[in-house]
Amino acid sequence: MRQSVQELMERYQNNLFAAAFNVCKSREDAEDVVQDTFLQYHMNKKQFENEQHIRAWLIRVAINKAKNCNHTFWRKNKLSLEDYMETLTFETPESENLFETVMKLPEKYRIVIHLFYYEDYAIREIAEILHLSESNVKVRLSRGRVLLKQSLKEEWEDDE
């Protein structure tokens, strides 16, 4: 199964951007990652089983490209999280606080939490995308939740 790049861009551009930004924490780098991901799809003549397979492949490629981006020399000149936060809009102050807290988690927890809660992937699908075992994904989700809970609890207690 193949779909046009235009269709896939309309459907998944925002998802890929969010996943890439989650890893590289840079708007410009995430935009480049999304563009490179669709370019790789276009150049790759691989046949996919179904649309879920295409989506998982796109997410996996975007995450890998974002990780590679973190290892470049230019990465040192990135936009800080605080500067990027100023450009985002949130429905509530609580959702902004949660996003900031998630972004401060270590990468291995941040990625699985993003895929699970923001992209609505099942544990099995996350395991396939990240090439991890399902039990490893469950452990990372659990530990990530504990870290989130601790961070949010500390912030809440500080506000009192």
N, C-alpha and C. Protein backbone atom coordinates (compact mmCIF):
# COMPACT_ATOMS: atom_id res chain seq x y z
N MET A 1 0.85 -1.19 0.00
CA MET A 1 0.00 0.00 0.00
C MET A 1 0.89 1.24 0.00
N ARG A 2 0.57 2.18 -0.85
CA ARG A 2 1.27 3.46 -0.90
C ARG A 2 0.23 4.57 -0.92
N GLN A 3 0.54 5.68 -0.28
CA GLN A 3 -0.32 6.85 -0.33
C GLN A 3 0.52 8.03 -0.79
N SER A 4 -0.15 9.04 -1.31
CA SER A 4 0.61 10.20 -1.78
C SER A 4 1.19 10.95 -0.59
N VAL A 5 2.33 11.58 -0.84
CA VAL A 5 2.99 12.35 0.22
C VAL A 5 2.08 13.48 0.67
N GLN A 6 1.35 14.08 -0.28
CA GLN A 6 0.45 15.20 0.06
C GLN A 6 -0.62 14.75 1.06
N GLU A 7 -1.24 13.60 0.81
CA GLU A 7 -2.25 13.07 1.74
C GLU A 7 -1.66 12.85 3.13
N LEU A 8 -0.48 12.23 3.15
CA LEU A 8 0.16 11.93 4.43
C LEU A 8 0.56 13.20 5.16
N MET A 9 1.01 14.20 4.43
CA MET A 9 1.39 15.47 5.06
C MET A 9 0.17 16.11 5.72
N GLU A 10 -0.94 16.11 5.00
CA GLU A 10 -2.17 16.71 5.56
C GLU A 10 -2.61 15.98 6.82
N ARG A 11 -2.44 14.67 6.82
CA ARG A 11 -2.91 13.85 7.93
C ARG A 11 -1.96 13.84 9.13
N TYR A 12 -0.65 13.76 8.87
CA TYR A 12 0.29 13.45 9.95
C TYR A 12 1.36 14.51 10.24
N GLN A 13 1.35 15.61 9.53
CA GLN A 13 2.38 16.62 9.72
C GLN A 13 2.44 17.09 11.17
N ASN A 14 1.31 17.39 11.76
CA ASN A 14 1.30 17.89 13.14
C ASN A 14 1.75 16.82 14.14
N ASN A 15 1.36 15.58 13.90
CA ASN A 15 1.77 14.48 14.78
C ASN A 15 3.28 14.29 14.73
N LEU A 16 3.83 14.30 13.52
CA LEU A 16 5.27 14.12 13.36
C LEU A 16 6.03 15.29 13.97
N PHE A 17 5.49 16.49 13.80
CA PHE A 17 6.15 17.66 14.39
C PHE A 17 6.18 17.53 15.92
N ALA A 18 5.07 17.14 16.50
CA ALA A 18 5.00 17.00 17.96
C ALA A 18 5.97 15.94 18.45
N ALA A 19 6.03 14.81 17.76
CA ALA A 19 6.95 13.75 18.17
C ALA A 19 8.40 14.20 18.03
N ALA A 20 8.71 14.88 16.92
CA ALA A 20 10.08 15.35 16.69
C ALA A 20 10.46 16.42 17.71
N PHE A 21 9.54 17.34 17.95
CA PHE A 21 9.84 18.40 18.92
C PHE A 21 10.04 17.81 20.31
N ASN A 22 9.30 16.78 20.61
CA ASN A 22 9.42 16.12 21.90
C ASN A 22 10.83 15.59 22.12
N VAL A 23 11.50 15.19 21.05
CA VAL A 23 12.85 14.64 21.16
C VAL A 23 13.90 15.75 21.09
N CYS A 24 13.79 16.61 20.07
CA CYS A 24 14.88 17.57 19.86
C CYS A 24 14.63 18.93 20.51
N LYS A 25 13.42 19.20 20.95
CA LYS A 25 13.08 20.43 21.67
C LYS A 25 13.46 21.69 20.91
N SER A 26 13.39 21.64 19.63
CA SER A 26 13.70 22.79 18.80
C SER A 26 12.70 22.85 17.66
N ARG A 27 12.04 23.98 17.53
CA ARG A 27 11.02 24.14 16.50
C ARG A 27 11.62 23.95 15.10
N GLU A 28 12.74 24.62 14.84
CA GLU A 28 13.35 24.54 13.53
C GLU A 28 13.81 23.12 13.21
N ASP A 29 14.45 22.48 14.19
CA ASP A 29 14.90 21.10 13.97
C ASP A 29 13.72 20.17 13.74
N ALA A 30 12.65 20.36 14.50
CA ALA A 30 11.46 19.50 14.33
C ALA A 30 10.85 19.70 12.95
N GLU A 31 10.82 20.94 12.47
CA GLU A 31 10.30 21.19 11.12
C GLU A 31 11.18 20.50 10.07
N ASP A 32 12.49 20.57 10.25
CA ASP A 32 13.41 19.89 9.33
C ASP A 32 13.21 18.37 9.37
N VAL A 33 13.02 17.85 10.56
CA VAL A 33 12.81 16.41 10.72
C VAL A 33 11.55 15.97 9.97
N VAL A 34 10.48 16.74 10.10
CA VAL A 34 9.22 16.41 9.42
C VAL A 34 9.44 16.41 7.91
N GLN A 35 10.10 17.44 7.42
CA GLN A 35 10.37 17.53 5.99
C GLN A 35 11.23 16.36 5.51
N ASP A 36 12.28 16.05 6.26
CA ASP A 36 13.15 14.93 5.90
C ASP A 36 12.41 13.60 5.94
N THR A 37 11.49 13.46 6.89
CA THR A 37 10.72 12.22 7.01
C THR A 37 9.85 12.00 5.78
N PHE A 38 9.15 13.06 5.34
CA PHE A 38 8.31 12.91 4.15
C PHE A 38 9.16 12.73 2.89
N LEU A 39 10.30 13.36 2.85
CA LEU A 39 11.21 13.15 1.72
C LEU A 39 11.68 11.70 1.67
N GLN A 40 12.02 11.14 2.82
CA GLN A 40 12.45 9.75 2.87
C GLN A 40 11.32 8.82 2.43
N TYR A 41 10.09 9.12 2.86
CA TYR A 41 8.94 8.31 2.43
C TYR A 41 8.81 8.35 0.91
N HIS A 42 8.94 9.55 0.35
CA HIS A 42 8.78 9.72 -1.10
C HIS A 42 9.85 8.94 -1.87
N MET A 43 11.07 8.99 -1.36
CA MET A 43 12.18 8.33 -2.06
C MET A 43 12.18 6.82 -1.83
N ASN A 44 11.64 6.38 -0.71
CA ASN A 44 11.57 4.97 -0.38
C ASN A 44 10.35 4.36 -1.09
N LYS A 45 10.56 3.33 -1.84
CA LYS A 45 9.46 2.71 -2.60
C LYS A 45 8.85 1.52 -1.87
N LYS A 46 9.06 1.47 -0.57
CA LYS A 46 8.55 0.36 0.24
C LYS A 46 7.03 0.30 0.18
N GLN A 47 6.52 -0.92 0.15
CA GLN A 47 5.07 -1.14 0.21
C GLN A 47 4.69 -1.39 1.68
N PHE A 48 3.61 -0.78 2.11
CA PHE A 48 3.15 -0.91 3.49
C PHE A 48 1.90 -1.77 3.55
N GLU A 49 1.71 -2.39 4.70
CA GLU A 49 0.57 -3.29 4.87
C GLU A 49 -0.75 -2.53 4.90
N ASN A 50 -0.76 -1.40 5.65
CA ASN A 50 -1.98 -0.61 5.80
C ASN A 50 -1.60 0.79 6.29
N GLU A 51 -2.59 1.60 6.53
CA GLU A 51 -2.32 2.99 6.93
C GLU A 51 -1.66 3.05 8.31
N GLN A 52 -2.01 2.17 9.22
CA GLN A 52 -1.37 2.15 10.54
C GLN A 52 0.12 1.85 10.39
N HIS A 53 0.47 0.98 9.49
CA HIS A 53 1.88 0.65 9.24
C HIS A 53 2.61 1.88 8.72
N ILE A 54 1.98 2.64 7.82
CA ILE A 54 2.59 3.87 7.30
C ILE A 54 2.79 4.87 8.43
N ARG A 55 1.77 5.06 9.24
CA ARG A 55 1.84 6.03 10.35
C ARG A 55 2.96 5.65 11.33
N ALA A 56 3.02 4.38 11.68
CA ALA A 56 4.06 3.92 12.61
C ALA A 56 5.45 4.11 12.01
N TRP A 57 5.57 3.83 10.70
CA TRP A 57 6.87 4.00 10.03
C TRP A 57 7.26 5.47 10.05
N LEU A 58 6.33 6.36 9.75
CA LEU A 58 6.62 7.80 9.73
C LEU A 58 7.06 8.28 11.11
N ILE A 59 6.35 7.85 12.15
CA ILE A 59 6.70 8.26 13.52
C ILE A 59 8.08 7.73 13.88
N ARG A 60 8.35 6.48 13.56
CA ARG A 60 9.65 5.88 13.89
C ARG A 60 10.77 6.64 13.19
N VAL A 61 10.59 6.94 11.90
CA VAL A 61 11.62 7.67 11.14
C VAL A 61 11.81 9.06 11.73
N ALA A 62 10.71 9.74 12.06
CA ALA A 62 10.81 11.10 12.62
C ALA A 62 11.55 11.08 13.96
N ILE A 63 11.25 10.13 14.81
CA ILE A 63 11.93 10.05 16.11
C ILE A 63 13.41 9.77 15.92
N ASN A 64 13.74 8.85 15.02
CA ASN A 64 15.15 8.54 14.77
C ASN A 64 15.89 9.74 14.20
N LYS A 65 15.26 10.47 13.28
CA LYS A 65 15.90 11.65 12.71
C LYS A 65 16.05 12.74 13.78
N ALA A 66 15.09 12.86 14.66
CA ALA A 66 15.19 13.85 15.74
C ALA A 66 16.32 13.49 16.70
N LYS A 67 16.46 12.21 16.99
CA LYS A 67 17.57 11.77 17.86
C LYS A 67 18.91 12.09 17.19
N ASN A 68 19.01 11.83 15.88
CA ASN A 68 20.24 12.14 15.16
C ASN A 68 20.52 13.64 15.19
N CYS A 69 19.47 14.42 15.14
CA CYS A 69 19.61 15.87 15.17
C CYS A 69 20.24 16.33 16.49
N ASN A 70 19.94 15.63 17.56
CA ASN A 70 20.48 15.99 18.88
C ASN A 70 21.99 15.82 18.95
N HIS A 71 22.57 15.06 18.04
CA HIS A 71 23.99 14.76 18.09
C HIS A 71 24.82 15.64 17.16
N THR A 72 24.21 16.66 16.56
CA THR A 72 24.93 17.50 15.63
C THR A 72 25.58 18.69 16.32
N PHE A 73 26.57 19.24 15.67
CA PHE A 73 27.26 20.42 16.18
C PHE A 73 26.30 21.59 16.33
N TRP A 74 25.40 21.73 15.37
CA TRP A 74 24.49 22.88 15.36
C TRP A 74 23.47 22.82 16.48
N ARG A 75 23.35 21.68 17.06
CA ARG A 75 22.37 21.49 18.14
C ARG A 75 22.62 22.46 19.30
N LYS A 76 23.86 22.88 19.47
CA LYS A 76 24.20 23.78 20.57
C LYS A 76 23.56 25.15 20.40
N ASN A 77 23.14 25.48 19.19
CA ASN A 77 22.55 26.78 18.91
C ASN A 77 21.03 26.70 18.80
N LYS A 78 20.43 25.86 19.57
CA LYS A 78 18.99 25.63 19.49
C LYS A 78 18.19 26.68 20.25
N LEU A 79 16.90 26.72 19.98
CA LEU A 79 15.97 27.56 20.71
C LEU A 79 15.71 26.92 22.06
N SER A 80 15.78 27.69 23.10
CA SER A 80 15.56 27.13 24.43
C SER A 80 14.09 26.78 24.62
N LEU A 81 13.83 25.87 25.53
CA LEU A 81 12.45 25.47 25.82
C LEU A 81 11.63 26.67 26.27
N GLU A 82 12.22 27.54 27.06
CA GLU A 82 11.50 28.72 27.55
C GLU A 82 11.09 29.64 26.39
N ASP A 83 12.01 29.82 25.44
CA ASP A 83 11.68 30.66 24.28
C ASP A 83 10.57 30.03 23.45
N TYR A 84 10.63 28.70 23.29
CA TYR A 84 9.60 28.03 22.51
C TYR A 84 8.26 28.08 23.23
N MET A 85 8.27 27.95 24.53
CA MET A 85 7.03 27.96 25.31
C MET A 85 6.26 29.27 25.10
N GLU A 86 7.00 30.34 24.86
CA GLU A 86 6.35 31.64 24.64
C GLU A 86 5.57 31.67 23.33
N THR A 87 5.92 30.81 22.38
CA THR A 87 5.24 30.81 21.09
C THR A 87 4.02 29.88 21.07
N LEU A 88 3.86 29.04 22.09
CA LEU A 88 2.74 28.09 22.13
C LEU A 88 1.54 28.70 22.84
N THR A 89 0.36 28.21 22.47
CA THR A 89 -0.85 28.60 23.18
C THR A 89 -1.48 27.36 23.79
N PHE A 90 -1.98 27.48 25.00
CA PHE A 90 -2.59 26.37 25.72
C PHE A 90 -3.99 26.75 26.15
N GLU A 91 -4.85 25.74 26.26
CA GLU A 91 -6.23 25.99 26.67
C GLU A 91 -6.31 26.45 28.11
N THR A 92 -5.47 25.87 28.96
CA THR A 92 -5.50 26.22 30.38
C THR A 92 -4.07 26.33 30.90
N PRO A 93 -3.88 27.06 32.01
CA PRO A 93 -2.54 27.11 32.61
C PRO A 93 -2.07 25.72 33.06
N GLU A 94 -3.01 24.87 33.45
CA GLU A 94 -2.65 23.53 33.89
C GLU A 94 -2.07 22.71 32.73
N SER A 95 -2.65 22.84 31.53
CA SER A 95 -2.13 22.08 30.39
C SER A 95 -0.75 22.60 29.99
N GLU A 96 -0.51 23.89 30.14
CA GLU A 96 0.81 24.44 29.87
C GLU A 96 1.83 23.90 30.88
N ASN A 97 1.43 23.87 32.14
CA ASN A 97 2.32 23.36 33.19
C ASN A 97 2.63 21.88 32.96
N LEU A 98 1.62 21.11 32.59
CA LEU A 98 1.83 19.68 32.32
C LEU A 98 2.79 19.50 31.14
N PHE A 99 2.60 20.27 30.08
CA PHE A 99 3.48 20.17 28.91
C PHE A 99 4.93 20.48 29.31
N GLU A 100 5.12 21.55 30.07
CA GLU A 100 6.47 21.91 30.52
C GLU A 100 7.09 20.79 31.33
N THR A 101 6.30 20.20 32.21
CA THR A 101 6.80 19.13 33.07
C THR A 101 7.17 17.90 32.25
N VAL A 102 6.33 17.55 31.29
CA VAL A 102 6.63 16.40 30.42
C VAL A 102 7.92 16.67 29.64
N MET A 103 8.10 17.89 29.16
CA MET A 103 9.28 18.22 28.36
C MET A 103 10.57 18.15 29.18
N LYS A 104 10.47 18.23 30.48
CA LYS A 104 11.65 18.17 31.34
C LYS A 104 12.02 16.75 31.73
N LEU A 105 11.18 15.78 31.38
CA LEU A 105 11.49 14.38 31.70
C LEU A 105 12.67 13.90 30.87
N PRO A 106 13.38 12.89 31.35
CA PRO A 106 14.43 12.28 30.52
C PRO A 106 13.82 11.75 29.22
N GLU A 107 14.60 11.79 28.15
CA GLU A 107 14.10 11.45 26.81
C GLU A 107 13.37 10.12 26.74
N LYS A 108 13.92 9.07 27.36
CA LYS A 108 13.31 7.75 27.21
C LYS A 108 11.91 7.69 27.82
N TYR A 109 11.64 8.49 28.84
CA TYR A 109 10.30 8.53 29.42
C TYR A 109 9.41 9.51 28.65
N ARG A 110 9.99 10.63 28.24
CA ARG A 110 9.23 11.66 27.53
C ARG A 110 8.65 11.11 26.23
N ILE A 111 9.43 10.31 25.49
CA ILE A 111 8.96 9.80 24.21
C ILE A 111 7.78 8.85 24.39
N VAL A 112 7.89 7.90 25.31
CA VAL A 112 6.79 6.94 25.48
C VAL A 112 5.54 7.63 26.03
N ILE A 113 5.71 8.61 26.91
CA ILE A 113 4.55 9.34 27.44
C ILE A 113 3.89 10.13 26.31
N HIS A 114 4.69 10.75 25.46
CA HIS A 114 4.13 11.50 24.34
C HIS A 114 3.34 10.57 23.41
N LEU A 115 3.95 9.46 23.03
CA LEU A 115 3.27 8.54 22.11
C LEU A 115 2.00 7.96 22.73
N PHE A 116 2.04 7.67 24.01
CA PHE A 116 0.89 7.05 24.68
C PHE A 116 -0.25 8.05 24.88
N TYR A 117 0.06 9.22 25.44
CA TYR A 117 -0.99 10.16 25.81
C TYR A 117 -1.35 11.16 24.72
N TYR A 118 -0.37 11.63 23.95
CA TYR A 118 -0.65 12.64 22.95
C TYR A 118 -0.96 12.06 21.57
N GLU A 119 -0.37 10.92 21.25
CA GLU A 119 -0.60 10.30 19.95
C GLU A 119 -1.55 9.11 20.02
N ASP A 120 -1.95 8.72 21.22
CA ASP A 120 -2.92 7.63 21.44
C ASP A 120 -2.46 6.28 20.88
N TYR A 121 -1.18 6.01 20.98
CA TYR A 121 -0.68 4.70 20.59
C TYR A 121 -0.84 3.72 21.74
N ALA A 122 -1.10 2.47 21.39
CA ALA A 122 -1.15 1.40 22.38
C ALA A 122 0.28 0.99 22.74
N ILE A 123 0.44 0.33 23.86
CA ILE A 123 1.76 -0.09 24.31
C ILE A 123 2.44 -0.97 23.26
N ARG A 124 1.69 -1.88 22.66
CA ARG A 124 2.24 -2.76 21.63
C ARG A 124 2.77 -1.94 20.45
N GLU A 125 2.01 -0.92 20.04
CA GLU A 125 2.43 -0.09 18.90
C GLU A 125 3.68 0.73 19.25
N ILE A 126 3.73 1.25 20.46
CA ILE A 126 4.91 2.01 20.89
C ILE A 126 6.13 1.10 20.88
N ALA A 127 5.96 -0.12 21.35
CA ALA A 127 7.06 -1.08 21.36
C ALA A 127 7.59 -1.31 19.95
N GLU A 128 6.68 -1.44 18.98
CA GLU A 128 7.10 -1.64 17.59
C GLU A 128 7.80 -0.41 17.04
N ILE A 129 7.26 0.76 17.31
CA ILE A 129 7.84 2.00 16.79
C ILE A 129 9.25 2.22 17.33
N LEU A 130 9.44 1.99 18.63
CA LEU A 130 10.72 2.27 19.28
C LEU A 130 11.65 1.05 19.31
N HIS A 131 11.18 -0.06 18.77
CA HIS A 131 11.96 -1.31 18.78
C HIS A 131 12.33 -1.71 20.20
N LEU A 132 11.33 -1.71 21.07
CA LEU A 132 11.49 -2.11 22.46
C LEU A 132 10.50 -3.24 22.74
N SER A 133 10.71 -3.93 23.85
CA SER A 133 9.73 -4.93 24.25
C SER A 133 8.54 -4.21 24.90
N GLU A 134 7.39 -4.86 24.89
CA GLU A 134 6.21 -4.26 25.50
C GLU A 134 6.44 -4.02 27.00
N SER A 135 7.12 -4.95 27.65
CA SER A 135 7.38 -4.79 29.08
C SER A 135 8.28 -3.58 29.33
N ASN A 136 9.23 -3.32 28.44
CA ASN A 136 10.10 -2.16 28.58
C ASN A 136 9.29 -0.87 28.43
N VAL A 137 8.37 -0.84 27.49
CA VAL A 137 7.51 0.33 27.30
C VAL A 137 6.67 0.55 28.56
N LYS A 138 6.11 -0.53 29.12
CA LYS A 138 5.31 -0.41 30.34
C LYS A 138 6.13 0.14 31.49
N VAL A 139 7.37 -0.32 31.62
CA VAL A 139 8.25 0.16 32.69
C VAL A 139 8.54 1.64 32.50
N ARG A 140 8.85 2.04 31.26
CA ARG A 140 9.15 3.45 30.99
C ARG A 140 7.93 4.33 31.25
N LEU A 141 6.75 3.85 30.86
CA LEU A 141 5.53 4.61 31.14
C LEU A 141 5.32 4.76 32.65
N SER A 142 5.49 3.66 33.36
CA SER A 142 5.30 3.67 34.81
C SER A 142 6.29 4.62 35.48
N ARG A 143 7.56 4.51 35.13
CA ARG A 143 8.58 5.37 35.73
C ARG A 143 8.37 6.83 35.33
N GLY A 144 7.97 7.05 34.08
CA GLY A 144 7.69 8.42 33.63
C GLY A 144 6.54 9.03 34.40
N ARG A 145 5.50 8.23 34.64
CA ARG A 145 4.35 8.73 35.43
C ARG A 145 4.78 9.08 36.85
N VAL A 146 5.62 8.23 37.44
CA VAL A 146 6.10 8.50 38.80
C VAL A 146 6.88 9.82 38.83
N LEU A 147 7.76 10.01 37.85
CA LEU A 147 8.52 11.26 37.78
C LEU A 147 7.61 12.46 37.58
N LEU A 148 6.61 12.31 36.72
CA LEU A 148 5.64 13.39 36.50
C LEU A 148 4.89 13.71 37.78
N LYS A 149 4.43 12.67 38.45
CA LYS A 149 3.68 12.86 39.69
C LYS A 149 4.53 13.58 40.73
N GLN A 150 5.79 13.16 40.86
CA GLN A 150 6.69 13.81 41.83
C GLN A 150 6.92 15.27 41.47
N SER A 151 7.18 15.54 40.20
CA SER A 151 7.43 16.91 39.77
C SER A 151 6.21 17.80 39.97
N LEU A 152 5.05 17.28 39.58
CA LEU A 152 3.83 18.08 39.72
C LEU A 152 3.47 18.27 41.19
N LYS A 153 3.70 17.26 42.02
CA LYS A 153 3.42 17.37 43.45
C LYS A 153 4.33 18.41 44.09
N GLU A 154 5.61 18.40 43.72
CA GLU A 154 6.55 19.38 44.26
C GLU A 154 6.13 20.79 43.86
N GLU A 155 5.75 20.97 42.60
CA GLU A 155 5.32 22.29 42.14
C GLU A 155 4.05 22.72 42.87
N TRP A 156 3.13 21.79 43.07
CA TRP A 156 1.88 22.11 43.74
C TRP A 156 2.16 22.50 45.20
N GLU A 157 3.03 21.76 45.85
CA GLU A 157 3.38 22.08 47.24
C GLU A 157 4.11 23.41 47.35
N ASP A 158 4.92 23.74 46.36
CA ASP A 158 5.63 25.02 46.35
C ASP A 158 4.67 26.19 46.22
N ASP A 159 3.53 25.97 45.56
CA ASP A 159 2.56 27.05 45.36
C ASP A 159 1.78 27.37 46.61
N GLU A 160 1.78 26.48 47.58
CA GLU A 160 0.97 26.71 48.79
C GLU A 160 1.57 27.75 49.68
